[in-house]
N, C-alpha and C. Protein backbone atom coordinates (compact mmCIF):
# COMPACT_ATOMS: atom_id res chain seq x y z
N UNK A 1 0.82 -1.20 0.00
CA UNK A 1 0.00 0.00 0.00
C UNK A 1 0.86 1.26 0.00
N UNK A 2 1.92 1.29 0.84
CA UNK A 2 2.82 2.44 0.88
C UNK A 2 3.56 2.56 -0.45
N UNK A 3 3.96 1.44 -1.01
CA UNK A 3 4.64 1.45 -2.30
C UNK A 3 3.76 2.08 -3.38
N UNK A 4 2.48 1.83 -3.29
CA UNK A 4 1.55 2.41 -4.27
C UNK A 4 1.57 3.93 -4.23
N UNK A 5 1.69 4.49 -3.03
CA UNK A 5 1.74 5.95 -2.91
C UNK A 5 2.98 6.51 -3.60
N UNK A 6 4.11 5.84 -3.43
CA UNK A 6 5.34 6.29 -4.08
C UNK A 6 5.23 6.19 -5.60
N UNK A 7 4.59 5.13 -6.07
CA UNK A 7 4.39 4.97 -7.51
C UNK A 7 3.47 6.06 -8.06
N UNK A 8 2.44 6.38 -7.29
CA UNK A 8 1.53 7.45 -7.72
C UNK A 8 2.24 8.80 -7.74
N UNK A 9 3.16 8.99 -6.80
CA UNK A 9 3.93 10.23 -6.80
C UNK A 9 4.78 10.36 -8.06
N UNK A 10 5.39 9.27 -8.45
CA UNK A 10 6.20 9.28 -9.68
C UNK A 10 5.34 9.60 -10.89
N UNK A 11 4.16 9.02 -10.94
CA UNK A 11 3.27 9.28 -12.06
C UNK A 11 2.81 10.74 -12.07
N UNK A 12 2.52 11.26 -10.88
CA UNK A 12 2.09 12.65 -10.78
C UNK A 12 3.19 13.61 -11.22
N UNK A 13 4.42 13.37 -10.72
CA UNK A 13 5.54 14.24 -11.07
C UNK A 13 5.83 14.18 -12.56
N UNK A 14 5.77 12.99 -13.13
CA UNK A 14 6.01 12.83 -14.57
C UNK A 14 4.96 13.58 -15.38
N UNK A 15 3.72 13.50 -14.93
CA UNK A 15 2.65 14.21 -15.62
C UNK A 15 2.83 15.71 -15.59
N UNK A 16 3.29 16.23 -14.45
CA UNK A 16 3.54 17.66 -14.34
C UNK A 16 4.64 18.10 -15.30
N UNK A 17 5.70 17.31 -15.37
CA UNK A 17 6.83 17.67 -16.24
C UNK A 17 6.43 17.59 -17.71
N UNK A 18 5.61 16.62 -18.05
CA UNK A 18 5.15 16.53 -19.44
C UNK A 18 4.34 17.77 -19.82
N UNK A 19 3.52 18.23 -18.89
CA UNK A 19 2.69 19.41 -19.16
C UNK A 19 3.51 20.69 -19.17
N UNK A 20 4.53 20.74 -18.33
CA UNK A 20 5.39 21.93 -18.24
C UNK A 20 6.77 21.50 -17.78
N UNK A 21 7.73 21.37 -18.71
CA UNK A 21 9.07 20.88 -18.37
C UNK A 21 9.75 21.68 -17.26
N UNK A 22 9.40 22.93 -17.07
CA UNK A 22 10.04 23.76 -16.05
C UNK A 22 9.17 23.93 -14.80
N UNK A 23 8.16 23.09 -14.67
CA UNK A 23 7.20 23.24 -13.57
C UNK A 23 7.89 23.22 -12.21
N UNK A 24 8.68 22.18 -11.93
CA UNK A 24 9.30 22.06 -10.62
C UNK A 24 10.44 23.05 -10.44
N UNK A 25 11.09 23.41 -11.52
CA UNK A 25 12.14 24.43 -11.45
C UNK A 25 11.56 25.76 -10.98
N UNK A 26 10.41 26.12 -11.53
CA UNK A 26 9.74 27.37 -11.14
C UNK A 26 9.18 27.26 -9.72
N UNK A 27 8.64 26.10 -9.38
CA UNK A 27 8.05 25.91 -8.06
C UNK A 27 9.11 25.99 -6.96
N UNK A 28 10.31 25.46 -7.26
CA UNK A 28 11.39 25.43 -6.28
C UNK A 28 11.99 26.81 -6.04
N UNK A 29 11.82 27.71 -6.99
CA UNK A 29 12.47 29.02 -6.87
C UNK A 29 11.84 29.87 -5.79
N UNK A 30 10.53 29.75 -5.57
CA UNK A 30 9.86 30.54 -4.55
C UNK A 30 8.41 30.10 -4.39
N UNK A 31 7.80 30.55 -3.29
CA UNK A 31 6.35 30.44 -3.15
C UNK A 31 5.82 31.83 -2.87
N UNK A 32 4.73 32.17 -3.50
CA UNK A 32 4.15 33.51 -3.29
C UNK A 32 2.63 33.41 -3.21
N UNK A 33 2.14 32.64 -2.24
CA UNK A 33 0.69 32.49 -2.12
C UNK A 33 0.03 33.77 -1.63
N UNK A 34 -1.16 34.02 -2.13
CA UNK A 34 -1.93 35.18 -1.67
C UNK A 34 -2.90 34.79 -0.55
N UNK A 35 -2.97 33.49 -0.26
CA UNK A 35 -3.99 33.01 0.66
C UNK A 35 -3.39 32.12 1.75
N UNK A 36 -3.87 32.31 2.97
CA UNK A 36 -3.64 31.36 4.05
C UNK A 36 -4.95 30.64 4.30
N UNK A 37 -4.90 29.32 4.29
CA UNK A 37 -6.09 28.49 4.52
C UNK A 37 -5.99 27.87 5.90
N UNK A 38 -6.96 28.15 6.75
CA UNK A 38 -7.05 27.52 8.07
C UNK A 38 -8.24 26.57 8.01
N UNK A 39 -7.95 25.29 7.89
CA UNK A 39 -9.01 24.32 7.66
C UNK A 39 -8.93 23.12 8.58
N UNK A 40 -9.87 22.22 8.40
CA UNK A 40 -9.94 21.01 9.21
C UNK A 40 -9.02 19.93 8.63
N UNK A 41 -8.56 19.05 9.50
CA UNK A 41 -7.69 17.95 9.07
C UNK A 41 -8.43 16.85 8.33
N UNK A 42 -9.74 16.91 8.29
CA UNK A 42 -10.54 15.87 7.63
C UNK A 42 -10.00 15.58 6.23
N UNK A 43 -9.75 14.30 5.96
CA UNK A 43 -9.14 13.90 4.68
C UNK A 43 -10.04 14.15 3.48
N UNK A 44 -11.31 14.45 3.73
CA UNK A 44 -12.25 14.68 2.63
C UNK A 44 -12.32 16.16 2.22
N UNK A 45 -11.46 16.98 2.85
CA UNK A 45 -11.48 18.42 2.56
C UNK A 45 -10.08 18.86 2.11
N UNK A 46 -9.67 18.47 0.89
CA UNK A 46 -8.34 18.82 0.39
C UNK A 46 -8.30 20.28 -0.07
N UNK A 47 -7.62 21.12 0.67
CA UNK A 47 -7.70 22.57 0.47
C UNK A 47 -7.42 23.00 -0.97
N UNK A 48 -6.25 22.65 -1.50
CA UNK A 48 -5.89 23.11 -2.85
C UNK A 48 -6.92 22.68 -3.89
N UNK A 49 -7.35 21.44 -3.78
CA UNK A 49 -8.24 20.89 -4.81
C UNK A 49 -9.59 21.57 -4.85
N UNK A 50 -10.18 21.84 -3.70
CA UNK A 50 -11.55 22.35 -3.71
C UNK A 50 -11.62 23.82 -4.13
N UNK A 51 -10.48 24.51 -4.13
CA UNK A 51 -10.47 25.89 -4.65
C UNK A 51 -9.72 25.98 -5.98
N UNK A 52 -9.28 24.84 -6.50
CA UNK A 52 -8.66 24.82 -7.82
C UNK A 52 -7.33 25.52 -7.90
N UNK A 53 -6.51 25.44 -6.84
CA UNK A 53 -5.21 26.09 -6.84
C UNK A 53 -4.09 25.06 -6.88
N UNK A 54 -3.00 25.42 -7.54
CA UNK A 54 -1.84 24.54 -7.65
C UNK A 54 -0.93 24.69 -6.44
N UNK A 55 0.02 23.76 -6.27
CA UNK A 55 1.04 23.92 -5.23
C UNK A 55 1.73 25.28 -5.36
N UNK A 56 1.97 25.92 -4.23
CA UNK A 56 2.62 27.22 -4.25
C UNK A 56 1.65 28.39 -4.22
N UNK A 57 0.35 28.10 -4.39
CA UNK A 57 -0.64 29.18 -4.46
C UNK A 57 -1.49 29.32 -3.20
N UNK A 58 -1.37 28.36 -2.29
CA UNK A 58 -2.19 28.37 -1.08
C UNK A 58 -1.35 27.89 0.09
N UNK A 59 -1.17 28.74 1.10
CA UNK A 59 -0.44 28.35 2.31
C UNK A 59 -1.45 27.73 3.25
N UNK A 60 -1.18 26.52 3.73
CA UNK A 60 -2.22 25.73 4.40
C UNK A 60 -1.85 25.38 5.84
N UNK A 61 -2.81 25.59 6.73
CA UNK A 61 -2.71 25.12 8.11
C UNK A 61 -3.99 24.36 8.42
N UNK A 62 -3.85 23.11 8.85
CA UNK A 62 -5.02 22.29 9.14
C UNK A 62 -4.90 21.64 10.51
N UNK A 63 -6.01 21.56 11.19
CA UNK A 63 -6.06 20.85 12.46
C UNK A 63 -7.49 20.37 12.69
N UNK A 64 -7.70 19.62 13.74
CA UNK A 64 -9.03 19.11 14.03
C UNK A 64 -9.98 20.27 14.36
N UNK A 65 -11.04 20.40 13.58
CA UNK A 65 -12.09 21.41 13.77
C UNK A 65 -11.67 22.82 13.37
N UNK A 66 -10.65 22.93 12.54
CA UNK A 66 -10.21 24.22 11.98
C UNK A 66 -10.16 25.35 13.02
N UNK A 67 -9.40 25.11 14.08
CA UNK A 67 -9.30 26.09 15.16
C UNK A 67 -8.14 27.06 14.94
N UNK A 68 -8.29 28.25 15.54
CA UNK A 68 -7.23 29.26 15.49
C UNK A 68 -6.89 29.65 16.93
N UNK A 69 -6.33 28.73 17.71
CA UNK A 69 -6.13 28.97 19.14
C UNK A 69 -5.12 30.10 19.38
N UNK A 70 -5.47 31.09 20.20
CA UNK A 70 -4.59 32.23 20.41
C UNK A 70 -3.30 31.91 21.16
N UNK A 71 -3.19 30.69 21.72
CA UNK A 71 -1.97 30.33 22.45
C UNK A 71 -1.29 29.09 21.86
N UNK A 72 -1.74 28.65 20.71
CA UNK A 72 -1.14 27.47 20.08
C UNK A 72 0.07 27.90 19.25
N UNK A 73 1.26 27.47 19.64
CA UNK A 73 2.49 27.93 18.99
C UNK A 73 2.53 27.50 17.53
N UNK A 74 2.06 26.32 17.23
CA UNK A 74 2.04 25.84 15.84
C UNK A 74 1.22 26.79 14.97
N UNK A 75 0.00 27.08 15.41
CA UNK A 75 -0.85 27.98 14.64
C UNK A 75 -0.25 29.38 14.56
N UNK A 76 0.26 29.89 15.67
CA UNK A 76 0.80 31.24 15.69
C UNK A 76 2.00 31.38 14.75
N UNK A 77 2.83 30.34 14.68
CA UNK A 77 3.99 30.39 13.77
C UNK A 77 3.53 30.48 12.32
N UNK A 78 2.51 29.71 11.99
CA UNK A 78 1.95 29.75 10.63
C UNK A 78 1.37 31.12 10.34
N UNK A 79 0.61 31.66 11.27
CA UNK A 79 -0.02 32.96 11.07
C UNK A 79 1.02 34.06 10.90
N UNK A 80 2.02 34.07 11.79
CA UNK A 80 3.05 35.10 11.69
C UNK A 80 3.80 35.02 10.37
N UNK A 81 4.20 33.81 9.99
CA UNK A 81 4.96 33.64 8.75
C UNK A 81 4.15 34.06 7.54
N UNK A 82 2.89 33.68 7.52
CA UNK A 82 2.06 33.99 6.35
C UNK A 82 1.80 35.49 6.23
N UNK A 83 1.62 36.16 7.37
CA UNK A 83 1.31 37.59 7.34
C UNK A 83 2.56 38.44 7.16
N UNK A 84 3.61 38.13 7.91
CA UNK A 84 4.79 38.99 7.91
C UNK A 84 5.80 38.67 6.82
N UNK A 85 5.91 37.41 6.45
CA UNK A 85 6.92 37.02 5.45
C UNK A 85 6.27 36.85 4.07
N UNK A 86 5.26 35.99 3.99
CA UNK A 86 4.60 35.77 2.71
C UNK A 86 3.69 36.93 2.32
N UNK A 87 3.24 37.66 3.33
CA UNK A 87 2.34 38.80 3.10
C UNK A 87 1.09 38.40 2.29
N UNK A 88 0.45 37.36 2.77
CA UNK A 88 -0.80 36.94 2.14
C UNK A 88 -1.82 38.08 2.23
N UNK A 89 -2.73 38.11 1.30
CA UNK A 89 -3.76 39.15 1.28
C UNK A 89 -5.09 38.66 1.84
N UNK A 90 -5.22 37.34 1.92
CA UNK A 90 -6.49 36.77 2.40
C UNK A 90 -6.21 35.60 3.34
N UNK A 91 -6.91 35.56 4.45
CA UNK A 91 -6.89 34.42 5.36
C UNK A 91 -8.29 33.81 5.33
N UNK A 92 -8.37 32.54 4.98
CA UNK A 92 -9.66 31.86 4.86
C UNK A 92 -9.79 30.84 5.97
N UNK A 93 -10.73 31.07 6.87
CA UNK A 93 -11.07 30.06 7.87
C UNK A 93 -12.20 29.22 7.27
N UNK A 94 -11.92 27.95 7.04
CA UNK A 94 -12.91 27.11 6.37
C UNK A 94 -13.26 25.89 7.22
N UNK A 95 -14.50 25.84 7.65
CA UNK A 95 -15.01 24.65 8.32
C UNK A 95 -15.73 23.76 7.34
N UNK A 96 -16.34 22.71 7.82
CA UNK A 96 -17.15 21.87 6.94
C UNK A 96 -18.30 21.27 7.73
N UNK A 97 -19.40 21.09 7.04
CA UNK A 97 -20.58 20.51 7.68
C UNK A 97 -20.29 19.07 8.09
N UNK A 98 -20.88 18.66 9.20
CA UNK A 98 -20.66 17.30 9.68
C UNK A 98 -19.29 17.08 10.28
N UNK A 99 -18.63 18.15 10.71
CA UNK A 99 -17.27 18.04 11.25
C UNK A 99 -17.24 17.11 12.46
N UNK A 100 -16.37 16.11 12.41
CA UNK A 100 -16.27 15.15 13.51
C UNK A 100 -15.79 15.79 14.80
N UNK A 101 -14.91 16.79 14.67
CA UNK A 101 -14.42 17.48 15.86
C UNK A 101 -15.52 18.25 16.56
N UNK A 102 -16.32 18.97 15.79
CA UNK A 102 -17.44 19.71 16.37
C UNK A 102 -18.45 18.75 16.98
N UNK A 103 -18.72 17.66 16.28
CA UNK A 103 -19.65 16.66 16.80
C UNK A 103 -19.15 16.11 18.14
N UNK A 104 -17.85 15.84 18.21
CA UNK A 104 -17.28 15.31 19.45
C UNK A 104 -17.39 16.31 20.59
N UNK A 105 -17.28 17.59 20.27
CA UNK A 105 -17.38 18.62 21.31
C UNK A 105 -18.81 18.75 21.84
N UNK A 106 -19.78 18.36 21.01
CA UNK A 106 -21.18 18.51 21.40
C UNK A 106 -21.78 17.27 22.06
N UNK A 107 -21.20 16.09 21.79
CA UNK A 107 -21.88 14.87 22.27
C UNK A 107 -21.53 14.50 23.72
N UNK A 108 -20.61 15.25 24.34
CA UNK A 108 -20.29 15.13 25.76
C UNK A 108 -19.60 13.83 26.15
N UNK A 109 -19.21 13.01 25.20
CA UNK A 109 -18.45 11.80 25.54
C UNK A 109 -17.00 12.19 25.82
N UNK A 110 -16.38 11.51 26.77
CA UNK A 110 -14.98 11.80 27.11
C UNK A 110 -14.06 10.96 26.23
N UNK A 111 -13.06 11.63 25.64
CA UNK A 111 -12.15 10.94 24.72
C UNK A 111 -10.68 11.14 25.08
N UNK A 112 -10.39 11.91 26.11
CA UNK A 112 -9.00 12.10 26.50
C UNK A 112 -8.45 13.43 26.00
N UNK A 113 -7.24 13.39 25.45
CA UNK A 113 -6.52 14.61 25.06
C UNK A 113 -7.32 15.47 24.09
N UNK A 114 -8.02 14.84 23.16
CA UNK A 114 -8.76 15.61 22.15
C UNK A 114 -9.82 16.50 22.81
N UNK A 115 -10.31 16.10 23.99
CA UNK A 115 -11.30 16.93 24.69
C UNK A 115 -10.71 18.30 25.03
N UNK A 116 -9.44 18.31 25.41
CA UNK A 116 -8.77 19.58 25.73
C UNK A 116 -8.67 20.45 24.49
N UNK A 117 -8.30 19.85 23.37
CA UNK A 117 -8.18 20.61 22.12
C UNK A 117 -9.52 21.20 21.70
N UNK A 118 -10.58 20.43 21.88
CA UNK A 118 -11.91 20.86 21.43
C UNK A 118 -12.66 21.70 22.46
N UNK A 119 -12.03 22.01 23.58
CA UNK A 119 -12.71 22.76 24.63
C UNK A 119 -13.28 24.10 24.14
N UNK A 120 -12.57 24.84 23.27
CA UNK A 120 -13.16 26.10 22.77
C UNK A 120 -14.48 25.89 22.04
N UNK A 121 -14.60 24.78 21.32
CA UNK A 121 -15.85 24.49 20.61
C UNK A 121 -16.94 24.13 21.62
N UNK A 122 -16.57 23.34 22.62
CA UNK A 122 -17.53 22.97 23.66
C UNK A 122 -18.00 24.20 24.42
N UNK A 123 -17.07 25.11 24.71
CA UNK A 123 -17.43 26.35 25.42
C UNK A 123 -18.38 27.20 24.58
N UNK A 124 -18.10 27.27 23.29
CA UNK A 124 -18.96 28.04 22.39
C UNK A 124 -20.38 27.46 22.37
N UNK A 125 -20.46 26.15 22.27
CA UNK A 125 -21.77 25.49 22.26
C UNK A 125 -22.50 25.70 23.59
N UNK A 126 -21.74 25.69 24.67
CA UNK A 126 -22.35 25.90 25.99
C UNK A 126 -22.93 27.31 26.11
N UNK A 127 -22.23 28.31 25.54
CA UNK A 127 -22.72 29.69 25.61
C UNK A 127 -24.04 29.86 24.86
N UNK A 128 -24.23 29.03 23.84
CA UNK A 128 -25.45 29.15 23.03
C UNK A 128 -26.38 27.94 23.23
N UNK A 129 -26.22 27.30 24.38
CA UNK A 129 -26.99 26.07 24.64
C UNK A 129 -28.49 26.31 24.59
N UNK A 130 -28.94 27.48 25.06
CA UNK A 130 -30.37 27.77 25.09
C UNK A 130 -30.99 27.69 23.70
N UNK A 131 -30.24 28.14 22.69
CA UNK A 131 -30.75 28.08 21.33
C UNK A 131 -30.48 26.72 20.68
N UNK A 132 -29.26 26.22 20.86
CA UNK A 132 -28.91 24.95 20.22
C UNK A 132 -29.78 23.80 20.73
N UNK A 133 -30.14 23.85 22.00
CA UNK A 133 -30.93 22.74 22.57
C UNK A 133 -32.33 22.66 21.99
N UNK A 134 -32.79 23.73 21.35
CA UNK A 134 -34.12 23.70 20.73
C UNK A 134 -34.11 22.99 19.39
N UNK A 135 -32.91 22.71 18.87
CA UNK A 135 -32.78 22.01 17.59
C UNK A 135 -32.75 20.52 17.88
N UNK A 136 -33.83 19.84 17.61
CA UNK A 136 -33.96 18.44 18.03
C UNK A 136 -33.09 17.49 17.21
N UNK A 137 -32.90 17.79 15.92
CA UNK A 137 -32.08 16.92 15.08
C UNK A 137 -30.61 17.19 15.37
N UNK A 138 -29.89 16.18 15.85
CA UNK A 138 -28.50 16.38 16.29
C UNK A 138 -27.60 16.77 15.12
N UNK A 139 -27.79 16.18 13.95
CA UNK A 139 -26.97 16.53 12.79
C UNK A 139 -27.12 18.00 12.42
N UNK A 140 -28.34 18.49 12.47
CA UNK A 140 -28.59 19.91 12.19
C UNK A 140 -27.92 20.79 13.24
N UNK A 141 -28.00 20.35 14.49
CA UNK A 141 -27.36 21.10 15.57
C UNK A 141 -25.85 21.17 15.35
N UNK A 142 -25.26 20.05 14.94
CA UNK A 142 -23.83 20.03 14.66
C UNK A 142 -23.48 20.98 13.53
N UNK A 143 -24.28 20.98 12.48
CA UNK A 143 -23.99 21.84 11.33
C UNK A 143 -24.06 23.33 11.68
N UNK A 144 -25.03 23.69 12.51
CA UNK A 144 -25.11 25.08 12.95
C UNK A 144 -23.91 25.42 13.82
N UNK A 145 -23.51 24.49 14.67
CA UNK A 145 -22.33 24.70 15.50
C UNK A 145 -21.07 24.82 14.64
N UNK A 146 -21.03 24.11 13.52
CA UNK A 146 -19.89 24.22 12.59
C UNK A 146 -19.79 25.64 12.04
N UNK A 147 -20.93 26.22 11.69
CA UNK A 147 -20.94 27.60 11.19
C UNK A 147 -20.51 28.57 12.30
N UNK A 148 -21.03 28.36 13.50
CA UNK A 148 -20.66 29.23 14.62
C UNK A 148 -19.17 29.12 14.93
N UNK A 149 -18.64 27.93 14.81
CA UNK A 149 -17.22 27.73 15.07
C UNK A 149 -16.37 28.52 14.08
N UNK A 150 -16.77 28.55 12.82
CA UNK A 150 -16.05 29.35 11.83
C UNK A 150 -16.06 30.81 12.24
N UNK A 151 -17.22 31.31 12.62
CA UNK A 151 -17.31 32.72 13.03
C UNK A 151 -16.38 33.00 14.21
N UNK A 152 -16.38 32.12 15.20
CA UNK A 152 -15.53 32.33 16.38
C UNK A 152 -14.06 32.38 15.99
N UNK A 153 -13.64 31.51 15.07
CA UNK A 153 -12.24 31.50 14.66
C UNK A 153 -11.89 32.75 13.86
N UNK A 154 -12.82 33.24 13.04
CA UNK A 154 -12.59 34.49 12.32
C UNK A 154 -12.36 35.62 13.32
N UNK A 155 -13.16 35.65 14.38
CA UNK A 155 -12.99 36.68 15.41
C UNK A 155 -11.64 36.54 16.09
N UNK A 156 -11.23 35.31 16.41
CA UNK A 156 -9.93 35.10 17.04
C UNK A 156 -8.80 35.60 16.14
N UNK A 157 -8.87 35.24 14.87
CA UNK A 157 -7.82 35.66 13.93
C UNK A 157 -7.83 37.18 13.79
N UNK A 158 -9.02 37.76 13.70
CA UNK A 158 -9.12 39.20 13.52
C UNK A 158 -8.63 40.01 14.70
N UNK A 159 -8.54 39.38 15.87
CA UNK A 159 -8.03 40.06 17.05
C UNK A 159 -6.59 39.68 17.38
N UNK A 160 -6.02 38.81 16.57
CA UNK A 160 -4.64 38.40 16.82
C UNK A 160 -3.68 39.55 16.54
N UNK A 161 -2.68 39.77 17.39
CA UNK A 161 -1.74 40.88 17.19
C UNK A 161 -1.03 40.86 15.84
N UNK A 162 -0.74 39.68 15.29
CA UNK A 162 -0.09 39.64 13.98
C UNK A 162 -0.98 40.26 12.91
N UNK A 163 -2.28 40.07 13.04
CA UNK A 163 -3.23 40.62 12.08
C UNK A 163 -3.49 42.09 12.35
N UNK A 164 -3.74 42.44 13.60
CA UNK A 164 -4.02 43.85 13.92
C UNK A 164 -2.80 44.73 13.65
N UNK A 165 -1.60 44.22 13.89
CA UNK A 165 -0.39 44.99 13.57
C UNK A 165 -0.26 45.20 12.07
N UNK A 166 -0.62 44.19 11.30
CA UNK A 166 -0.57 44.32 9.84
C UNK A 166 -1.54 45.40 9.37
N UNK A 167 -2.73 45.41 9.92
CA UNK A 167 -3.69 46.46 9.57
C UNK A 167 -3.17 47.83 9.96
N UNK A 168 -2.53 47.90 11.11
CA UNK A 168 -2.00 49.18 11.59
C UNK A 168 -0.91 49.69 10.64
N UNK A 169 -0.17 48.77 10.05
CA UNK A 169 0.88 49.16 9.09
C UNK A 169 0.30 49.52 7.72
N UNK A 170 -0.98 49.30 7.54
CA UNK A 170 -1.59 49.57 6.24
C UNK A 170 -1.54 48.40 5.29
N UNK A 171 -1.16 47.22 5.79
CA UNK A 171 -1.10 46.02 4.95
C UNK A 171 -2.51 45.57 4.59
N UNK A 172 -2.73 45.29 3.32
CA UNK A 172 -4.05 44.82 2.88
C UNK A 172 -4.21 43.36 3.26
N UNK A 173 -5.17 43.08 4.11
CA UNK A 173 -5.37 41.73 4.62
C UNK A 173 -6.82 41.57 5.05
N UNK A 174 -7.46 40.54 4.55
CA UNK A 174 -8.85 40.26 4.91
C UNK A 174 -8.97 38.84 5.43
N UNK A 175 -9.83 38.66 6.41
CA UNK A 175 -10.09 37.34 6.99
C UNK A 175 -11.52 36.94 6.61
N UNK A 176 -11.67 35.75 6.05
CA UNK A 176 -12.96 35.30 5.55
C UNK A 176 -13.41 34.04 6.29
N UNK A 177 -14.71 33.85 6.39
CA UNK A 177 -15.27 32.65 6.99
C UNK A 177 -16.09 31.87 5.98
N UNK A 178 -15.63 30.68 5.65
CA UNK A 178 -16.32 29.83 4.68
C UNK A 178 -16.66 28.49 5.32
N UNK A 179 -17.56 27.77 4.66
CA UNK A 179 -17.85 26.40 5.09
C UNK A 179 -18.06 25.53 3.86
N UNK A 180 -17.62 24.29 3.97
CA UNK A 180 -17.61 23.36 2.84
C UNK A 180 -18.61 22.24 3.10
N UNK A 181 -19.31 21.86 2.05
CA UNK A 181 -20.23 20.73 2.15
C UNK A 181 -19.63 19.53 1.44
N UNK A 182 -19.37 18.49 2.17
CA UNK A 182 -18.82 17.27 1.58
C UNK A 182 -19.86 16.60 0.69
N UNK A 183 -21.13 16.86 0.94
CA UNK A 183 -22.20 16.21 0.17
C UNK A 183 -22.27 16.68 -1.28
N UNK A 184 -21.91 17.95 -1.53
CA UNK A 184 -21.97 18.43 -2.92
C UNK A 184 -20.67 19.07 -3.40
N UNK A 185 -19.66 19.16 -2.53
CA UNK A 185 -18.37 19.70 -2.94
C UNK A 185 -18.32 21.21 -3.06
N UNK A 186 -19.33 21.89 -2.54
CA UNK A 186 -19.41 23.35 -2.71
C UNK A 186 -19.03 24.09 -1.43
N UNK A 187 -18.39 25.24 -1.64
CA UNK A 187 -18.05 26.15 -0.56
C UNK A 187 -19.15 27.20 -0.42
N UNK A 188 -19.38 27.62 0.80
CA UNK A 188 -20.36 28.68 1.06
C UNK A 188 -19.69 29.79 1.84
N UNK A 189 -19.84 31.01 1.36
CA UNK A 189 -19.32 32.18 2.07
C UNK A 189 -20.31 32.54 3.18
N UNK A 190 -19.86 32.47 4.42
CA UNK A 190 -20.74 32.76 5.55
C UNK A 190 -20.86 34.25 5.85
N UNK A 191 -20.21 35.08 5.04
CA UNK A 191 -20.29 36.54 5.18
C UNK A 191 -19.76 37.02 6.53
N UNK A 192 -18.64 36.46 6.93
CA UNK A 192 -17.99 36.88 8.17
C UNK A 192 -16.70 37.65 7.89
N UNK A 193 -16.55 38.19 6.70
CA UNK A 193 -15.30 38.82 6.30
C UNK A 193 -14.99 40.06 7.14
N UNK A 194 -13.73 40.14 7.60
CA UNK A 194 -13.24 41.32 8.32
C UNK A 194 -11.94 41.77 7.68
N UNK A 195 -11.78 43.08 7.52
CA UNK A 195 -10.58 43.63 6.88
C UNK A 195 -10.00 44.81 7.65
N UNK A 196 -10.52 45.05 8.84
CA UNK A 196 -10.04 46.13 9.71
C UNK A 196 -10.61 45.89 11.10
N UNK A 197 -10.02 46.49 12.12
CA UNK A 197 -10.51 46.26 13.48
C UNK A 197 -11.99 46.57 13.66
N UNK A 198 -12.48 47.60 13.00
CA UNK A 198 -13.90 47.96 13.12
C UNK A 198 -14.80 46.82 12.65
N UNK A 199 -14.37 46.11 11.59
CA UNK A 199 -15.15 44.98 11.09
C UNK A 199 -15.26 43.88 12.14
N UNK A 200 -14.16 43.66 12.87
CA UNK A 200 -14.17 42.63 13.91
C UNK A 200 -15.15 43.01 15.01
N UNK A 201 -15.11 44.29 15.40
CA UNK A 201 -16.03 44.76 16.44
C UNK A 201 -17.48 44.57 16.01
N UNK A 202 -17.76 44.89 14.75
CA UNK A 202 -19.13 44.76 14.25
C UNK A 202 -19.56 43.30 14.17
N UNK A 203 -18.63 42.42 13.77
CA UNK A 203 -18.95 40.99 13.72
C UNK A 203 -19.25 40.46 15.12
N UNK A 204 -18.47 40.91 16.09
CA UNK A 204 -18.67 40.45 17.46
C UNK A 204 -20.05 40.82 17.98
N UNK A 205 -20.58 41.95 17.52
CA UNK A 205 -21.89 42.43 18.00
C UNK A 205 -23.06 41.78 17.27
N UNK A 206 -22.79 41.11 16.15
CA UNK A 206 -23.88 40.51 15.39
C UNK A 206 -24.51 39.36 16.17
N UNK A 207 -25.83 39.20 16.10
CA UNK A 207 -26.47 38.08 16.80
C UNK A 207 -26.05 36.74 16.21
N UNK A 208 -25.99 35.75 17.05
CA UNK A 208 -25.63 34.40 16.59
C UNK A 208 -26.85 33.67 16.05
N UNK A 209 -28.02 34.03 16.57
CA UNK A 209 -29.28 33.44 16.12
C UNK A 209 -30.23 34.57 15.73
N UNK A 210 -31.14 34.34 14.80
CA UNK A 210 -32.05 35.40 14.32
C UNK A 210 -32.85 36.08 15.42
N UNK A 211 -33.20 35.35 16.47
CA UNK A 211 -34.07 35.93 17.50
C UNK A 211 -33.31 36.49 18.69
N UNK A 212 -31.98 36.62 18.55
CA UNK A 212 -31.20 37.19 19.65
C UNK A 212 -31.28 38.72 19.62
């Protein structure tokens, strides 16, 4: 099985060279992505493929439940590098419906270390428990929580010092909130885009549910 992966890599590389003999030469010279993708580790959500971008065009950070933890060194290193060195113009926080991480945060079963990682999602769900508990279908409840989780991460990113400092310097940078449906392969813009501190403040004040 592992050998098959290596064989597929050879076929892929050969195909790239046939299409463009200088493809890898150009790719090796530099990367200049305009986008940072903060997405879920789910194997069914391949970042480059679903937005139709080639290697070198999308800087990618993935973890369980597409979180942007303000104290996670791994995430912070990616964010700093993408903003200060690569100078990306867009940060895309992308969740997906039916996310296993979000589901695990909502079902209250204990799983060990992953519970600590998912605590921000569990806390978010707890804050909105009065509304979420009225949704009787658990899958629907999970999907709404997936959307809310994207919004929360957009707010976290928008308040991160690496981002706010970039805005203060006049660097053009926008943070977007999207969600992906594995059922039809389509992305949906959740309209959580922020491009300045005022946008973050306004997003924070928006109701989470229509009747709030």
